[in-house]
Amino acid sequence: MNGFQKTSIIKGVAFFADKIDGQDINVGSIFIEEELDTSKGNAKGFRTVEYRADSADVVKPLMHLEFPITGEVHFRMQVTKRNHQIIVEAVKPISLAKGQPQVQPAGKGA
């Protein structure tokens, strides 16, 4: 695989592999935690970014996992005449990632 790889926190995945109006659609998405740019002093923390996967086949093996996870993500840059995008080619799960704190409903807890 050409491109680059990065160890990332994966918050979730989604895919669609079916037909719409007789046309085969085979797409997947990987939702990855990315750090905000703090260099200007007006942002801090993280956001979740959706990356397109090569196909639903990249995502399906991850569907049984509990999220968030840490994984080795293989990316490739897809460049056309009018556009460029970063595509996920493969994901290798490494471990469970620390989850977000759970919000307790009002009136529960201390």
PDB file of N, CA and C in Angstrom:
ATOM      1  N   MET A   1       0.833  -1.179   0.000  1.00  0.00           N
ATOM      2  CA  MET A   1       0.000   0.000   0.000  1.00  0.00           C
ATOM      3  C   MET A   1       0.879   1.244   0.000  1.00  0.00           C
ATOM      4  N   ASN A   2       0.586   2.173  -0.894  1.00  0.00           N
ATOM      5  CA  ASN A   2       1.284   3.453  -0.841  1.00  0.00           C
ATOM      6  C   ASN A   2       0.444   4.408  -0.008  1.00  0.00           C
ATOM      7  N   GLY A   3       0.996   5.538   0.351  1.00  0.00           N
ATOM      8  CA  GLY A   3       0.279   6.470   1.202  1.00  0.00           C
ATOM      9  C   GLY A   3       0.987   6.597   2.526  1.00  0.00           C
ATOM     10  N   PHE A   4       0.213   6.680   3.600  1.00  0.00           N
ATOM     11  CA  PHE A   4       0.804   6.811   4.926  1.00  0.00           C
ATOM     12  C   PHE A   4      -0.082   6.110   5.945  1.00  0.00           C
ATOM     13  N   GLN A   5       0.475   5.864   7.113  1.00  0.00           N
ATOM     14  CA  GLN A   5      -0.305   5.239   8.178  1.00  0.00           C
ATOM     15  C   GLN A   5      -0.170   6.059   9.447  1.00  0.00           C
ATOM     16  N   LYS A   6      -1.172   5.940  10.304  1.00  0.00           N
ATOM     17  CA  LYS A   6      -1.217   6.715  11.527  1.00  0.00           C
ATOM     18  C   LYS A   6      -1.985   5.913  12.572  1.00  0.00           C
ATOM     19  N   THR A   7      -1.503   5.926  13.805  1.00  0.00           N
ATOM     20  CA  THR A   7      -2.251   5.313  14.898  1.00  0.00           C
ATOM     21  C   THR A   7      -3.256   6.342  15.383  1.00  0.00           C
ATOM     22  N   SER A   8      -4.543   5.984  15.375  1.00  0.00           N
ATOM     23  CA  SER A   8      -5.619   6.926  15.650  1.00  0.00           C
ATOM     24  C   SER A   8      -6.655   6.318  16.580  1.00  0.00           C
ATOM     25  N   ILE A   9      -7.440   7.197  17.207  1.00  0.00           N
ATOM     26  CA  ILE A   9      -8.599   6.755  17.965  1.00  0.00           C
ATOM     27  C   ILE A   9      -9.791   6.772  17.012  1.00  0.00           C
ATOM     28  N   ILE A  10     -10.393   5.614  16.849  1.00  0.00           N
ATOM     29  CA  ILE A  10     -11.534   5.460  15.944  1.00  0.00           C
ATOM     30  C   ILE A  10     -12.790   5.456  16.802  1.00  0.00           C
ATOM     31  N   LYS A  11     -13.673   6.427  16.548  1.00  0.00           N
ATOM     32  CA  LYS A  11     -14.879   6.592  17.351  1.00  0.00           C
ATOM     33  C   LYS A  11     -16.034   5.733  16.858  1.00  0.00           C
ATOM     34  N   GLY A  12     -16.013   5.363  15.567  1.00  0.00           N
ATOM     35  CA  GLY A  12     -17.093   4.549  15.028  1.00  0.00           C
ATOM     36  C   GLY A  12     -16.902   4.318  13.542  1.00  0.00           C
ATOM     37  N   VAL A  13     -17.753   3.472  12.981  1.00  0.00           N
ATOM     38  CA  VAL A  13     -17.699   3.137  11.558  1.00  0.00           C
ATOM     39  C   VAL A  13     -19.128   2.987  11.020  1.00  0.00           C
ATOM     40  N   ALA A  14     -19.267   3.137   9.718  1.00  0.00           N
ATOM     41  CA  ALA A  14     -20.564   2.943   9.064  1.00  0.00           C
ATOM     42  C   ALA A  14     -20.313   2.490   7.630  1.00  0.00           C
ATOM     43  N   PHE A  15     -21.271   1.743   7.068  1.00  0.00           N
ATOM     44  CA  PHE A  15     -21.123   1.345   5.671  1.00  0.00           C
ATOM     45  C   PHE A  15     -22.490   1.168   5.024  1.00  0.00           C
ATOM     46  N   PHE A  16     -22.468   1.164   3.697  1.00  0.00           N
ATOM     47  CA  PHE A  16     -23.653   0.855   2.903  1.00  0.00           C
ATOM     48  C   PHE A  16     -23.177   0.026   1.722  1.00  0.00           C
ATOM     49  N   ALA A  17     -23.739  -1.156   1.560  1.00  0.00           N
ATOM     50  CA  ALA A  17     -23.394  -2.041   0.439  1.00  0.00           C
ATOM     51  C   ALA A  17     -24.701  -2.634  -0.082  1.00  0.00           C
ATOM     52  N   ASP A  18     -25.281  -1.986  -1.087  1.00  0.00           N
ATOM     53  CA  ASP A  18     -26.569  -2.408  -1.635  1.00  0.00           C
ATOM     54  C   ASP A  18     -26.761  -1.721  -2.978  1.00  0.00           C
ATOM     55  N   LYS A  19     -27.973  -1.775  -3.465  1.00  0.00           N
ATOM     56  CA  LYS A  19     -28.301  -1.125  -4.734  1.00  0.00           C
ATOM     57  C   LYS A  19     -29.274   0.014  -4.489  1.00  0.00           C
ATOM     58  N   ILE A  20     -29.081   1.090  -5.228  1.00  0.00           N
ATOM     59  CA  ILE A  20     -30.021   2.198  -5.270  1.00  0.00           C
ATOM     60  C   ILE A  20     -30.308   2.465  -6.737  1.00  0.00           C
ATOM     61  N   ASP A  21     -31.580   2.384  -7.096  1.00  0.00           N
ATOM     62  CA  ASP A  21     -32.004   2.572  -8.488  1.00  0.00           C
ATOM     63  C   ASP A  21     -31.203   1.688  -9.450  1.00  0.00           C
ATOM     64  N   GLY A  22     -30.945   0.455  -9.039  1.00  0.00           N
ATOM     65  CA  GLY A  22     -30.238  -0.502  -9.882  1.00  0.00           C
ATOM     66  C   GLY A  22     -28.735  -0.335  -9.915  1.00  0.00           C
ATOM     67  N   GLN A  23     -28.201   0.661  -9.226  1.00  0.00           N
ATOM     68  CA  GLN A  23     -26.757   0.908  -9.231  1.00  0.00           C
ATOM     69  C   GLN A  23     -26.144   0.386  -7.937  1.00  0.00           C
ATOM     70  N   ASP A  24     -25.068  -0.403  -8.061  1.00  0.00           N
ATOM     71  CA  ASP A  24     -24.365  -0.920  -6.889  1.00  0.00           C
ATOM     72  C   ASP A  24     -23.656   0.215  -6.164  1.00  0.00           C
ATOM     73  N   ILE A  25     -23.891   0.313  -4.861  1.00  0.00           N
ATOM     74  CA  ILE A  25     -23.228   1.291  -4.007  1.00  0.00           C
ATOM     75  C   ILE A  25     -22.469   0.504  -2.942  1.00  0.00           C
ATOM     76  N   ASN A  26     -21.183   0.800  -2.792  1.00  0.00           N
ATOM     77  CA  ASN A  26     -20.330   0.097  -1.840  1.00  0.00           C
ATOM     78  C   ASN A  26     -19.407   1.127  -1.195  1.00  0.00           C
ATOM     79  N   VAL A  27     -19.855   1.688  -0.066  1.00  0.00           N
ATOM     80  CA  VAL A  27     -19.093   2.754   0.584  1.00  0.00           C
ATOM     81  C   VAL A  27     -18.964   2.479   2.077  1.00  0.00           C
ATOM     82  N   GLY A  28     -17.943   3.038   2.663  1.00  0.00           N
ATOM     83  CA  GLY A  28     -17.742   2.940   4.102  1.00  0.00           C
ATOM     84  C   GLY A  28     -17.198   4.244   4.637  1.00  0.00           C
ATOM     85  N   SER A  29     -17.388   4.469   5.929  1.00  0.00           N
ATOM     86  CA  SER A  29     -16.865   5.659   6.599  1.00  0.00           C
ATOM     87  C   SER A  29     -16.220   5.247   7.911  1.00  0.00           C
ATOM     88  N   ILE A  30     -15.133   5.915   8.239  1.00  0.00           N
ATOM     89  CA  ILE A  30     -14.428   5.718   9.496  1.00  0.00           C
ATOM     90  C   ILE A  30     -14.427   7.076  10.195  1.00  0.00           C
ATOM     91  N   PHE A  31     -14.843   7.106  11.453  1.00  0.00           N
ATOM     92  CA  PHE A  31     -14.908   8.347  12.215  1.00  0.00           C
ATOM     93  C   PHE A  31     -13.732   8.379  13.185  1.00  0.00           C
ATOM     94  N   ILE A  32     -12.800   9.322  12.947  1.00  0.00           N
ATOM     95  CA  ILE A  32     -11.523   9.366  13.644  1.00  0.00           C
ATOM     96  C   ILE A  32     -11.402  10.651  14.458  1.00  0.00           C
ATOM     97  N   GLU A  33     -10.890  10.511  15.680  1.00  0.00           N
ATOM     98  CA  GLU A  33     -10.664  11.656  16.548  1.00  0.00           C
ATOM     99  C   GLU A  33      -9.421  12.408  16.068  1.00  0.00           C
ATOM    100  N   GLU A  34      -9.577  13.711  15.833  1.00  0.00           N
ATOM    101  CA  GLU A  34      -8.472  14.567  15.385  1.00  0.00           C
ATOM    102  C   GLU A  34      -8.337  15.749  16.329  1.00  0.00           C
ATOM    103  N   GLU A  35      -7.111  16.130  16.638  1.00  0.00           N
ATOM    104  CA  GLU A  35      -6.860  17.267  17.519  1.00  0.00           C
ATOM    105  C   GLU A  35      -7.098  18.578  16.773  1.00  0.00           C
ATOM    106  N   LEU A  36      -7.721  19.536  17.444  1.00  0.00           N
ATOM    107  CA  LEU A  36      -7.932  20.850  16.863  1.00  0.00           C
ATOM    108  C   LEU A  36      -6.620  21.634  16.827  1.00  0.00           C
ATOM    109  N   ASP A  37      -6.517  22.578  15.908  1.00  0.00           N
ATOM    110  CA  ASP A  37      -5.330  23.419  15.776  1.00  0.00           C
ATOM    111  C   ASP A  37      -5.333  24.472  16.888  1.00  0.00           C
ATOM    112  N   THR A  38      -4.392  24.359  17.806  1.00  0.00           N
ATOM    113  CA  THR A  38      -4.319  25.289  18.939  1.00  0.00           C
ATOM    114  C   THR A  38      -3.365  26.451  18.686  1.00  0.00           C
ATOM    115  N   SER A  39      -2.761  26.528  17.511  1.00  0.00           N
ATOM    116  CA  SER A  39      -1.707  27.498  17.248  1.00  0.00           C
ATOM    117  C   SER A  39      -2.175  28.951  17.312  1.00  0.00           C
ATOM    118  N   LYS A  40      -3.434  29.222  17.041  1.00  0.00           N
ATOM    119  CA  LYS A  40      -3.929  30.602  17.061  1.00  0.00           C
ATOM    120  C   LYS A  40      -4.594  30.963  18.388  1.00  0.00           C
ATOM    121  N   GLY A  41      -4.722  29.985  19.289  1.00  0.00           N
ATOM    122  CA  GLY A  41      -5.287  30.255  20.599  1.00  0.00           C
ATOM    123  C   GLY A  41      -6.801  30.320  20.652  1.00  0.00           C
ATOM    124  N   ASN A  42      -7.474  29.986  19.541  1.00  0.00           N
ATOM    125  CA  ASN A  42      -8.942  30.070  19.545  1.00  0.00           C
ATOM    126  C   ASN A  42      -9.621  28.704  19.443  1.00  0.00           C
ATOM    127  N   ALA A  43      -8.867  27.643  19.615  1.00  0.00           N
ATOM    128  CA  ALA A  43      -9.437  26.290  19.588  1.00  0.00           C
ATOM    129  C   ALA A  43      -8.622  25.400  20.512  1.00  0.00           C
ATOM    130  N   LYS A  44      -9.316  24.432  21.105  1.00  0.00           N
ATOM    131  CA  LYS A  44      -8.641  23.508  22.004  1.00  0.00           C
ATOM    132  C   LYS A  44      -9.477  22.239  22.070  1.00  0.00           C
ATOM    133  N   GLY A  45      -8.819  21.101  22.095  1.00  0.00           N
ATOM    134  CA  GLY A  45      -9.531  19.840  22.239  1.00  0.00           C
ATOM    135  C   GLY A  45      -9.504  19.014  20.970  1.00  0.00           C
ATOM    136  N   PHE A  46     -10.592  18.248  20.771  1.00  0.00           N
ATOM    137  CA  PHE A  46     -10.644  17.282  19.677  1.00  0.00           C
ATOM    138  C   PHE A  46     -11.989  17.365  18.966  1.00  0.00           C
ATOM    139  N   ARG A  47     -12.014  16.859  17.747  1.00  0.00           N
ATOM    140  CA  ARG A  47     -13.260  16.706  17.005  1.00  0.00           C
ATOM    141  C   ARG A  47     -13.209  15.367  16.285  1.00  0.00           C
ATOM    142  N   THR A  48     -14.353  14.902  15.857  1.00  0.00           N
ATOM    143  CA  THR A  48     -14.420  13.651  15.119  1.00  0.00           C
ATOM    144  C   THR A  48     -14.558  13.970  13.634  1.00  0.00           C
ATOM    145  N   VAL A  49     -13.671  13.386  12.825  1.00  0.00           N
ATOM    146  CA  VAL A  49     -13.653  13.637  11.388  1.00  0.00           C
ATOM    147  C   VAL A  49     -14.054  12.361  10.658  1.00  0.00           C
ATOM    148  N   GLU A  50     -14.926  12.485   9.679  1.00  0.00           N
ATOM    149  CA  GLU A  50     -15.345  11.343   8.869  1.00  0.00           C
ATOM    150  C   GLU A  50     -14.406  11.207   7.672  1.00  0.00           C
ATOM    151  N   TYR A  51     -13.832  10.014   7.511  1.00  0.00           N
ATOM    152  CA  TYR A  51     -12.992   9.696   6.358  1.00  0.00           C
ATOM    153  C   TYR A  51     -13.682   8.610   5.545  1.00  0.00           C
ATOM    154  N   ARG A  52     -13.670   8.748   4.242  1.00  0.00           N
ATOM    155  CA  ARG A  52     -14.253   7.741   3.362  1.00  0.00           C
ATOM    156  C   ARG A  52     -13.327   6.532   3.294  1.00  0.00           C
ATOM    157  N   ALA A  53     -13.908   5.357   3.312  1.00  0.00           N
ATOM    158  CA  ALA A  53     -13.138   4.121   3.171  1.00  0.00           C
ATOM    159  C   ALA A  53     -13.164   3.682   1.710  1.00  0.00           C
ATOM    160  N   ASP A  54     -12.187   2.873   1.330  1.00  0.00           N
ATOM    161  CA  ASP A  54     -12.125   2.347  -0.033  1.00  0.00           C
ATOM    162  C   ASP A  54     -13.428   1.658  -0.419  1.00  0.00           C
ATOM    163  N   SER A  55     -13.999   0.906   0.524  1.00  0.00           N
ATOM    164  CA  SER A  55     -15.266   0.199   0.290  1.00  0.00           C
ATOM    165  C   SER A  55     -15.833  -0.238   1.633  1.00  0.00           C
ATOM    166  N   ALA A  56     -17.022  -0.805   1.601  1.00  0.00           N
ATOM    167  CA  ALA A  56     -17.628  -1.347   2.818  1.00  0.00           C
ATOM    168  C   ALA A  56     -16.778  -2.476   3.394  1.00  0.00           C
ATOM    169  N   ASP A  57     -15.993  -3.140   2.559  1.00  0.00           N
ATOM    170  CA  ASP A  57     -15.155  -4.251   3.013  1.00  0.00           C
ATOM    171  C   ASP A  57     -14.089  -3.810   4.012  1.00  0.00           C
ATOM    172  N   VAL A  58     -13.702  -2.546   4.002  1.00  0.00           N
ATOM    173  CA  VAL A  58     -12.746  -2.030   4.975  1.00  0.00           C
ATOM    174  C   VAL A  58     -13.416  -1.918   6.347  1.00  0.00           C
ATOM    175  N   VAL A  59     -14.698  -1.603   6.359  1.00  0.00           N
ATOM    176  CA  VAL A  59     -15.433  -1.322   7.586  1.00  0.00           C
ATOM    177  C   VAL A  59     -16.048  -2.567   8.221  1.00  0.00           C
ATOM    178  N   LYS A  60     -16.566  -3.471   7.408  1.00  0.00           N
ATOM    179  CA  LYS A  60     -17.301  -4.635   7.926  1.00  0.00           C
ATOM    180  C   LYS A  60     -16.556  -5.427   8.996  1.00  0.00           C
ATOM    181  N   PRO A  61     -15.247  -5.678   8.876  1.00  0.00           N
ATOM    182  CA  PRO A  61     -14.553  -6.449   9.917  1.00  0.00           C
ATOM    183  C   PRO A  61     -14.492  -5.746  11.278  1.00  0.00           C
ATOM    184  N   LEU A  62     -14.814  -4.457  11.321  1.00  0.00           N
ATOM    185  CA  LEU A  62     -14.758  -3.695  12.569  1.00  0.00           C
ATOM    186  C   LEU A  62     -16.110  -3.613  13.270  1.00  0.00           C
ATOM    187  N   MET A  63     -17.168  -4.055  12.613  1.00  0.00           N
ATOM    188  CA  MET A  63     -18.525  -3.856  13.122  1.00  0.00           C
ATOM    189  C   MET A  63     -18.785  -4.572  14.452  1.00  0.00           C
ATOM    190  N   HIS A  64     -18.081  -5.637  14.747  1.00  0.00           N
ATOM    191  CA  HIS A  64     -18.325  -6.377  15.996  1.00  0.00           C
ATOM    192  C   HIS A  64     -17.612  -5.766  17.201  1.00  0.00           C
ATOM    193  N   LEU A  65     -16.750  -4.774  16.985  1.00  0.00           N
ATOM    194  CA  LEU A  65     -15.951  -4.198  18.065  1.00  0.00           C
ATOM    195  C   LEU A  65     -16.742  -3.182  18.877  1.00  0.00           C
ATOM    196  N   GLU A  66     -16.326  -2.990  20.126  1.00  0.00           N
ATOM    197  CA  GLU A  66     -16.843  -1.912  20.969  1.00  0.00           C
ATOM    198  C   GLU A  66     -15.979  -0.688  20.702  1.00  0.00           C
ATOM    199  N   PHE A  67     -16.589   0.460  20.548  1.00  0.00           N
ATOM    200  CA  PHE A  67     -15.854   1.689  20.255  1.00  0.00           C
ATOM    201  C   PHE A  67     -15.892   2.610  21.461  1.00  0.00           C
ATOM    202  N   PRO A  68     -14.907   3.495  21.580  1.00  0.00           N
ATOM    203  CA  PRO A  68     -13.814   3.796  20.666  1.00  0.00           C
ATOM    204  C   PRO A  68     -12.675   2.786  20.783  1.00  0.00           C
ATOM    205  N   ILE A  69     -11.914   2.664  19.697  1.00  0.00           N
ATOM    206  CA  ILE A  69     -10.738   1.805  19.675  1.00  0.00           C
ATOM    207  C   ILE A  69      -9.539   2.610  19.182  1.00  0.00           C
ATOM    208  N   THR A  70      -8.365   2.100  19.488  1.00  0.00           N
ATOM    209  CA  THR A  70      -7.144   2.617  18.882  1.00  0.00           C
ATOM    210  C   THR A  70      -6.806   1.663  17.749  1.00  0.00           C
ATOM    211  N   GLY A  71      -6.452   2.220  16.594  1.00  0.00           N
ATOM    212  CA  GLY A  71      -6.135   1.374  15.459  1.00  0.00           C
ATOM    213  C   GLY A  71      -5.070   1.987  14.576  1.00  0.00           C
ATOM    214  N   GLU A  72      -4.420   1.134  13.828  1.00  0.00           N
ATOM    215  CA  GLU A  72      -3.452   1.577  12.832  1.00  0.00           C
ATOM    216  C   GLU A  72      -4.237   1.776  11.534  1.00  0.00           C
ATOM    217  N   VAL A  73      -4.305   3.013  11.074  1.00  0.00           N
ATOM    218  CA  VAL A  73      -5.110   3.354   9.906  1.00  0.00           C
ATOM    219  C   VAL A  73      -4.174   3.646   8.732  1.00  0.00           C
ATOM    220  N   HIS A  74      -4.420   2.976   7.613  1.00  0.00           N
ATOM    221  CA  HIS A  74      -3.637   3.189   6.398  1.00  0.00           C
ATOM    222  C   HIS A  74      -4.432   4.096   5.470  1.00  0.00           C
ATOM    223  N   PHE A  75      -3.841   5.247   5.140  1.00  0.00           N
ATOM    224  CA  PHE A  75      -4.479   6.242   4.288  1.00  0.00           C
ATOM    225  C   PHE A  75      -3.778   6.316   2.939  1.00  0.00           C
ATOM    226  N   ARG A  76      -4.511   6.810   1.953  1.00  0.00           N
ATOM    227  CA  ARG A  76      -3.905   7.143   0.663  1.00  0.00           C
ATOM    228  C   ARG A  76      -4.565   8.412   0.155  1.00  0.00           C
ATOM    229  N   MET A  77      -3.793   9.244  -0.511  1.00  0.00           N
ATOM    230  CA  MET A  77      -4.310  10.469  -1.095  1.00  0.00           C
ATOM    231  C   MET A  77      -4.823  10.153  -2.496  1.00  0.00           C
ATOM    232  N   GLN A  78      -6.071  10.497  -2.747  1.00  0.00           N
ATOM    233  CA  GLN A  78      -6.655  10.291  -4.072  1.00  0.00           C
ATOM    234  C   GLN A  78      -6.782  11.663  -4.721  1.00  0.00           C
ATOM    235  N   VAL A  79      -6.068  11.866  -5.826  1.00  0.00           N
ATOM    236  CA  VAL A  79      -6.035  13.162  -6.480  1.00  0.00           C
ATOM    237  C   VAL A  79      -6.627  13.035  -7.868  1.00  0.00           C
ATOM    238  N   THR A  80      -7.551  13.937  -8.174  1.00  0.00           N
ATOM    239  CA  THR A  80      -8.118  14.026  -9.520  1.00  0.00           C
ATOM    240  C   THR A  80      -7.866  15.440 -10.041  1.00  0.00           C
ATOM    241  N   LYS A  81      -8.329  15.713 -11.224  1.00  0.00           N
ATOM    242  CA  LYS A  81      -8.120  17.025 -11.834  1.00  0.00           C
ATOM    243  C   LYS A  81      -8.745  18.148 -10.997  1.00  0.00           C
ATOM    244  N   ARG A  82      -9.891  17.880 -10.388  1.00  0.00           N
ATOM    245  CA  ARG A  82     -10.619  18.931  -9.673  1.00  0.00           C
ATOM    246  C   ARG A  82     -10.684  18.744  -8.154  1.00  0.00           C
ATOM    247  N   ASN A  83     -10.172  17.639  -7.646  1.00  0.00           N
ATOM    248  CA  ASN A  83     -10.400  17.334  -6.243  1.00  0.00           C
ATOM    249  C   ASN A  83      -9.260  16.483  -5.673  1.00  0.00           C
ATOM    250  N   HIS A  84      -9.175  16.465  -4.368  1.00  0.00           N
ATOM    251  CA  HIS A  84      -8.293  15.522  -3.682  1.00  0.00           C
ATOM    252  C   HIS A  84      -8.964  15.131  -2.367  1.00  0.00           C
ATOM    253  N   GLN A  85      -8.772  13.901  -1.966  1.00  0.00           N
ATOM    254  CA  GLN A  85      -9.303  13.436  -0.704  1.00  0.00           C
ATOM    255  C   GLN A  85      -8.405  12.365  -0.121  1.00  0.00           C
ATOM    256  N   ILE A  86      -8.546  12.216   1.201  1.00  0.00           N
ATOM    257  CA  ILE A  86      -7.793  11.190   1.909  1.00  0.00           C
ATOM    258  C   ILE A  86      -8.733  10.004   2.091  1.00  0.00           C
ATOM    259  N   ILE A  87      -8.306   8.833   1.607  1.00  0.00           N
ATOM    260  CA  ILE A  87      -9.116   7.620   1.626  1.00  0.00           C
ATOM    261  C   ILE A  87      -8.488   6.621   2.597  1.00  0.00           C
ATOM    262  N   VAL A  88      -9.331   5.949   3.387  1.00  0.00           N
ATOM    263  CA  VAL A  88      -8.844   4.891   4.274  1.00  0.00           C
ATOM    264  C   VAL A  88      -8.802   3.592   3.474  1.00  0.00           C
ATOM    265  N   GLU A  89      -7.628   2.991   3.398  1.00  0.00           N
ATOM    266  CA  GLU A  89      -7.457   1.722   2.683  1.00  0.00           C
ATOM    267  C   GLU A  89      -7.618   0.512   3.592  1.00  0.00           C
ATOM    268  N   ALA A  90      -7.175   0.649   4.850  1.00  0.00           N
ATOM    269  CA  ALA A  90      -7.221  -0.489   5.779  1.00  0.00           C
ATOM    270  C   ALA A  90      -7.137   0.021   7.209  1.00  0.00           C
ATOM    271  N   VAL A  91      -7.685  -0.768   8.125  1.00  0.00           N
ATOM    272  CA  VAL A  91      -7.620  -0.466   9.557  1.00  0.00           C
ATOM    273  C   VAL A  91      -7.242  -1.743  10.288  1.00  0.00           C
ATOM    274  N   LYS A  92      -6.241  -1.633  11.157  1.00  0.00           N
ATOM    275  CA  LYS A  92      -5.848  -2.765  11.990  1.00  0.00           C
ATOM    276  C   LYS A  92      -6.126  -2.375  13.444  1.00  0.00           C
ATOM    277  N   PRO A  93      -7.147  -2.973  14.073  1.00  0.00           N
ATOM    278  CA  PRO A  93      -7.445  -2.644  15.474  1.00  0.00           C
ATOM    279  C   PRO A  93      -6.267  -3.006  16.374  1.00  0.00           C
ATOM    280  N   ILE A  94      -5.994  -2.138  17.363  1.00  0.00           N
ATOM    281  CA  ILE A  94      -4.911  -2.391  18.310  1.00  0.00           C
ATOM    282  C   ILE A  94      -5.478  -2.676  19.700  1.00  0.00           C
ATOM    283  N   SER A  95      -6.309  -1.779  20.205  1.00  0.00           N
ATOM    284  CA  SER A  95      -6.849  -1.949  21.557  1.00  0.00           C
ATOM    285  C   SER A  95      -8.074  -1.066  21.751  1.00  0.00           C
ATOM    286  N   LEU A  96      -8.771  -1.316  22.848  1.00  0.00           N
ATOM    287  CA  LEU A  96      -9.880  -0.462  23.245  1.00  0.00           C
ATOM    288  C   LEU A  96      -9.297   0.877  23.674  1.00  0.00           C
ATOM    289  N   ALA A  97      -9.943   1.965  23.314  1.00  0.00           N
ATOM    290  CA  ALA A  97      -9.488   3.300  23.734  1.00  0.00           C
ATOM    291  C   ALA A  97     -10.331   3.762  24.908  1.00  0.00           C
ATOM    292  N   LYS A  98      -9.795   4.690  25.671  1.00  0.00           N
ATOM    293  CA  LYS A  98     -10.521   5.227  26.812  1.00  0.00           C
ATOM    294  C   LYS A  98     -11.773   5.935  26.298  1.00  0.00           C
ATOM    295  N   GLY A  99     -12.919   5.565  26.860  1.00  0.00           N
ATOM    296  CA  GLY A  99     -14.178   6.154  26.429  1.00  0.00           C
ATOM    297  C   GLY A  99     -14.428   7.517  27.028  1.00  0.00           C
ATOM    298  N   GLN A 100     -15.398   8.215  26.482  1.00  0.00           N
ATOM    299  CA  GLN A 100     -15.806   9.510  26.995  1.00  0.00           C
ATOM    300  C   GLN A 100     -16.540   9.328  28.323  1.00  0.00           C
ATOM    301  N   PRO A 101     -16.495  10.327  29.200  1.00  0.00           N
ATOM    302  CA  PRO A 101     -17.249  10.217  30.449  1.00  0.00           C
ATOM    303  C   PRO A 101     -18.747  10.086  30.151  1.00  0.00           C
ATOM    304  N   GLN A 102     -19.421   9.291  30.955  1.00  0.00           N
ATOM    305  CA  GLN A 102     -20.851   9.091  30.771  1.00  0.00           C
ATOM    306  C   GLN A 102     -21.623  10.195  31.486  1.00  0.00           C
ATOM    307  N   VAL A 103     -22.566  10.805  30.794  1.00  0.00           N
ATOM    308  CA  VAL A 103     -23.416  11.835  31.389  1.00  0.00           C
ATOM    309  C   VAL A 103     -24.532  11.150  32.155  1.00  0.00           C
ATOM    310  N   GLN A 104     -24.706  11.548  33.398  1.00  0.00           N
ATOM    311  CA  GLN A 104     -25.781  10.972  34.219  1.00  0.00           C
ATOM    312  C   GLN A 104     -27.026  11.830  34.081  1.00  0.00           C
ATOM    313  N   PRO A 105     -28.201  11.204  33.968  1.00  0.00           N
ATOM    314  CA  PRO A 105     -29.439  11.979  33.873  1.00  0.00           C
ATOM    315  C   PRO A 105     -29.638  12.816  35.138  1.00  0.00           C
ATOM    316  N   ALA A 106     -30.360  13.927  34.993  1.00  0.00           N
ATOM    317  CA  ALA A 106     -30.621  14.822  36.124  1.00  0.00           C
ATOM    318  C   ALA A 106     -31.312  14.052  37.240  1.00  0.00           C
ATOM    319  N   GLY A 107     -30.920  14.335  38.477  1.00  0.00           N
ATOM    320  CA  GLY A 107     -31.523  13.684  39.640  1.00  0.00           C
ATOM    321  C   GLY A 107     -30.858  12.383  40.040  1.00  0.00           C
ATOM    322  N   LYS A 108     -29.890  11.886  39.240  1.00  0.00           N
ATOM    323  CA  LYS A 108     -29.192  10.645  39.564  1.00  0.00           C
ATOM    324  C   LYS A 108     -27.773  10.994  40.007  1.00  0.00           C
ATOM    325  N   GLY A 109     -27.202  10.191  40.836  1.00  0.00           N
ATOM    326  CA  GLY A 109     -25.816  10.396  41.269  1.00  0.00           C
ATOM    327  C   GLY A 109     -25.771  11.229  42.543  1.00  0.00           C
ATOM    328  N   ALA A 110     -24.574  11.721  42.874  1.00  0.00           N
ATOM    329  CA  ALA A 110     -24.375  12.443  44.144  1.00  0.00           C
ATOM    330  C   ALA A 110     -24.865  13.842  44.112  1.00  0.00           C
TER     331      ALA A 110
END
